[in-house]
Amino acid sequence: MKLYIGGAYQGQAELAALENPGGEIYPDFHETIREAVLTQGQEPREFARRFCDRHPQAVVVANEVGAGVVPVEASERAFREAAGRALCIVAQEAEQVVRCVCGIGVRIK
């Protein structure tokens, strides 16, 4: 498994596709977490563990959602917390983690 992470519109999706042609790419994974946790009521870490078990060759692409101004809405704060918890599990399980800024990937694991 590989994880590509970065701020919104920083090029992580494009970099993941370029470096993993034909790979099993999961774009906007932060939104997948939102759906699973906030809509379906799944526990974020358990969701991430199940995903990792089922998709060991996945290329996961996600936005960093924890930086910036703290949202006023409780549901948005809950989303940020859930995404952070789930992505920690994905990062632990990943063989490679790349942080992308301005289209440039820096391998951090």
C-alpha atoms as a PDB file:
ATOM      1  CA  MET A   1       0.000   0.000   0.000  1.00  0.00           C
ATOM      2  CA  LYS A   2       1.067   3.547  -0.712  1.00  0.00           C
ATOM      3  CA  LEU A   3      -0.310   6.788   0.706  1.00  0.00           C
ATOM      4  CA  TYR A   4      -0.095  10.139  -1.081  1.00  0.00           C
ATOM      5  CA  ILE A   5      -1.146  13.060   1.060  1.00  0.00           C
ATOM      6  CA  GLY A   6      -1.094  16.834   0.736  1.00  0.00           C
ATOM      7  CA  GLY A   7      -3.181  19.938   0.948  1.00  0.00           C
ATOM      8  CA  ALA A   8      -6.089  20.522  -1.399  1.00  0.00           C
ATOM      9  CA  TYR A   9      -4.994  20.916  -5.024  1.00  0.00           C
ATOM     10  CA  GLN A  10      -1.333  20.191  -4.305  1.00  0.00           C
ATOM     11  CA  GLY A  11      -0.997  17.529  -7.006  1.00  0.00           C
ATOM     12  CA  GLN A  12      -1.003  14.343  -4.954  1.00  0.00           C
ATOM     13  CA  ALA A  13      -3.570  12.636  -7.201  1.00  0.00           C
ATOM     14  CA  GLU A  14      -1.598  13.422 -10.339  1.00  0.00           C
ATOM     15  CA  LEU A  15       1.662  12.287  -8.753  1.00  0.00           C
ATOM     16  CA  ALA A  16       0.097   9.032  -7.550  1.00  0.00           C
ATOM     17  CA  ALA A  17      -1.228   8.289 -11.041  1.00  0.00           C
ATOM     18  CA  LEU A  18       2.126   9.130 -12.637  1.00  0.00           C
ATOM     19  CA  GLU A  19       4.128   6.957 -10.250  1.00  0.00           C
ATOM     20  CA  ASN A  20       1.650   4.042 -10.213  1.00  0.00           C
ATOM     21  CA  PRO A  21       0.328   3.515 -13.760  1.00  0.00           C
ATOM     22  CA  GLY A  22      -2.406   0.900 -13.754  1.00  0.00           C
ATOM     23  CA  GLY A  23      -2.422   0.847  -9.946  1.00  0.00           C
ATOM     24  CA  GLU A  24      -5.465   0.411  -7.741  1.00  0.00           C
ATOM     25  CA  ILE A  25      -5.836   4.133  -6.926  1.00  0.00           C
ATOM     26  CA  TYR A  26      -8.328   5.422  -4.362  1.00  0.00           C
ATOM     27  CA  PRO A  27      -8.631   9.201  -4.907  1.00  0.00           C
ATOM     28  CA  ASP A  28     -10.170  11.608  -2.378  1.00  0.00           C
ATOM     29  CA  PHE A  29      -9.887   9.013   0.377  1.00  0.00           C
ATOM     30  CA  HIS A  30     -10.666  11.683   2.963  1.00  0.00           C
ATOM     31  CA  GLU A  31     -14.178  11.806   1.472  1.00  0.00           C
ATOM     32  CA  THR A  32     -14.433   8.004   1.673  1.00  0.00           C
ATOM     33  CA  ILE A  33     -13.634   8.342   5.371  1.00  0.00           C
ATOM     34  CA  ARG A  34     -16.300  11.045   5.734  1.00  0.00           C
ATOM     35  CA  GLU A  35     -18.905   8.735   4.189  1.00  0.00           C
ATOM     36  CA  ALA A  36     -17.928   5.706   6.261  1.00  0.00           C
ATOM     37  CA  VAL A  37     -17.640   7.486   9.587  1.00  0.00           C
ATOM     38  CA  LEU A  38     -20.138  10.331   9.559  1.00  0.00           C
ATOM     39  CA  THR A  39     -22.824   8.821   7.323  1.00  0.00           C
ATOM     40  CA  GLN A  40     -22.515   5.103   8.082  1.00  0.00           C
ATOM     41  CA  GLY A  41     -21.347   5.449  11.697  1.00  0.00           C
ATOM     42  CA  GLN A  42     -18.202   3.335  11.396  1.00  0.00           C
ATOM     43  CA  GLU A  43     -15.319   3.779  13.837  1.00  0.00           C
ATOM     44  CA  PRO A  44     -12.482   5.484  11.889  1.00  0.00           C
ATOM     45  CA  ARG A  45      -9.611   3.238  12.941  1.00  0.00           C
ATOM     46  CA  GLU A  46     -11.610   0.055  12.386  1.00  0.00           C
ATOM     47  CA  PHE A  47     -12.702   1.303   8.978  1.00  0.00           C
ATOM     48  CA  ALA A  48      -9.064   1.970   8.060  1.00  0.00           C
ATOM     49  CA  ARG A  49      -7.893  -1.429   9.328  1.00  0.00           C
ATOM     50  CA  ARG A  50     -10.558  -3.229   7.291  1.00  0.00           C
ATOM     51  CA  PHE A  51      -9.683  -1.195   4.217  1.00  0.00           C
ATOM     52  CA  CYS A  52      -5.977  -1.994   4.573  1.00  0.00           C
ATOM     53  CA  ASP A  53      -6.716  -5.703   5.022  1.00  0.00           C
ATOM     54  CA  ARG A  54      -8.927  -5.769   1.924  1.00  0.00           C
ATOM     55  CA  HIS A  55      -6.723  -3.599  -0.308  1.00  0.00           C
ATOM     56  CA  PRO A  56      -3.047  -4.295   0.484  1.00  0.00           C
ATOM     57  CA  GLN A  57      -1.901  -3.047  -2.954  1.00  0.00           C
ATOM     58  CA  ALA A  58      -3.977   0.148  -2.879  1.00  0.00           C
ATOM     59  CA  VAL A  59      -2.622   3.573  -3.716  1.00  0.00           C
ATOM     60  CA  VAL A  60      -4.481   5.901  -1.362  1.00  0.00           C
ATOM     61  CA  VAL A  61      -4.712   9.622  -2.144  1.00  0.00           C
ATOM     62  CA  ALA A  62      -6.033  12.015   0.489  1.00  0.00           C
ATOM     63  CA  ASN A  63      -6.085  15.674   1.411  1.00  0.00           C
ATOM     64  CA  GLU A  64      -4.649  16.869   4.681  1.00  0.00           C
ATOM     65  CA  VAL A  65      -7.722  18.171   6.455  1.00  0.00           C
ATOM     66  CA  GLY A  66      -6.456  19.013   9.940  1.00  0.00           C
ATOM     67  CA  ALA A  67      -4.616  22.245   9.211  1.00  0.00           C
ATOM     68  CA  GLY A  68      -6.030  25.725   9.046  1.00  0.00           C
ATOM     69  CA  VAL A  69      -8.923  27.360  10.827  1.00  0.00           C
ATOM     70  CA  VAL A  70     -10.910  25.142  13.179  1.00  0.00           C
ATOM     71  CA  PRO A  71     -14.418  24.732  11.721  1.00  0.00           C
ATOM     72  CA  VAL A  72     -17.380  26.167  13.620  1.00  0.00           C
ATOM     73  CA  GLU A  73     -19.589  23.180  12.795  1.00  0.00           C
ATOM     74  CA  ALA A  74     -19.191  20.215  15.128  1.00  0.00           C
ATOM     75  CA  SER A  75     -19.670  17.769  12.244  1.00  0.00           C
ATOM     76  CA  GLU A  76     -16.704  19.265  10.371  1.00  0.00           C
ATOM     77  CA  ARG A  77     -14.530  19.053  13.490  1.00  0.00           C
ATOM     78  CA  ALA A  78     -15.603  15.407  13.881  1.00  0.00           C
ATOM     79  CA  PHE A  79     -14.727  14.757  10.243  1.00  0.00           C
ATOM     80  CA  ARG A  80     -11.229  16.182  10.673  1.00  0.00           C
ATOM     81  CA  GLU A  81     -10.650  14.050  13.750  1.00  0.00           C
ATOM     82  CA  ALA A  82     -11.962  10.907  12.026  1.00  0.00           C
ATOM     83  CA  ALA A  83      -9.849  11.514   8.918  1.00  0.00           C
ATOM     84  CA  GLY A  84      -6.740  12.014  11.036  1.00  0.00           C
ATOM     85  CA  ARG A  85      -7.325   8.838  13.026  1.00  0.00           C
ATOM     86  CA  ALA A  86      -8.058   6.743   9.932  1.00  0.00           C
ATOM     87  CA  LEU A  87      -5.132   8.101   7.937  1.00  0.00           C
ATOM     88  CA  CYS A  88      -2.755   7.353  10.826  1.00  0.00           C
ATOM     89  CA  ILE A  89      -3.686   3.669  10.433  1.00  0.00           C
ATOM     90  CA  VAL A  90      -3.266   3.815   6.654  1.00  0.00           C
ATOM     91  CA  ALA A  91       0.151   5.477   7.060  1.00  0.00           C
ATOM     92  CA  GLN A  92       1.256   2.833   9.560  1.00  0.00           C
ATOM     93  CA  GLU A  93       0.245   0.033   7.207  1.00  0.00           C
ATOM     94  CA  ALA A  94       1.663   1.670   4.070  1.00  0.00           C
ATOM     95  CA  GLU A  95       5.038   0.650   2.737  1.00  0.00           C
ATOM     96  CA  GLN A  96       5.447   4.171   1.360  1.00  0.00           C
ATOM     97  CA  VAL A  97       4.035   7.569   2.362  1.00  0.00           C
ATOM     98  CA  VAL A  98       4.550  10.594   0.104  1.00  0.00           C
ATOM     99  CA  ARG A  99       3.652  14.158   1.052  1.00  0.00           C
ATOM    100  CA  CYS A 100       2.989  16.351  -1.954  1.00  0.00           C
ATOM    101  CA  VAL A 101       3.388  20.137  -2.038  1.00  0.00           C
ATOM    102  CA  CYS A 102       3.133  22.132  -5.273  1.00  0.00           C
ATOM    103  CA  GLY A 103       3.245  18.909  -7.274  1.00  0.00           C
ATOM    104  CA  ILE A 104       6.515  17.786  -5.695  1.00  0.00           C
ATOM    105  CA  GLY A 105       6.433  14.576  -3.711  1.00  0.00           C
ATOM    106  CA  VAL A 106       8.645  14.064  -0.677  1.00  0.00           C
ATOM    107  CA  ARG A 107       8.835  10.513   0.612  1.00  0.00           C
ATOM    108  CA  ILE A 108       8.336  10.569   4.387  1.00  0.00           C
ATOM    109  CA  LYS A 109       8.171   6.806   4.830  1.00  0.00           C
END
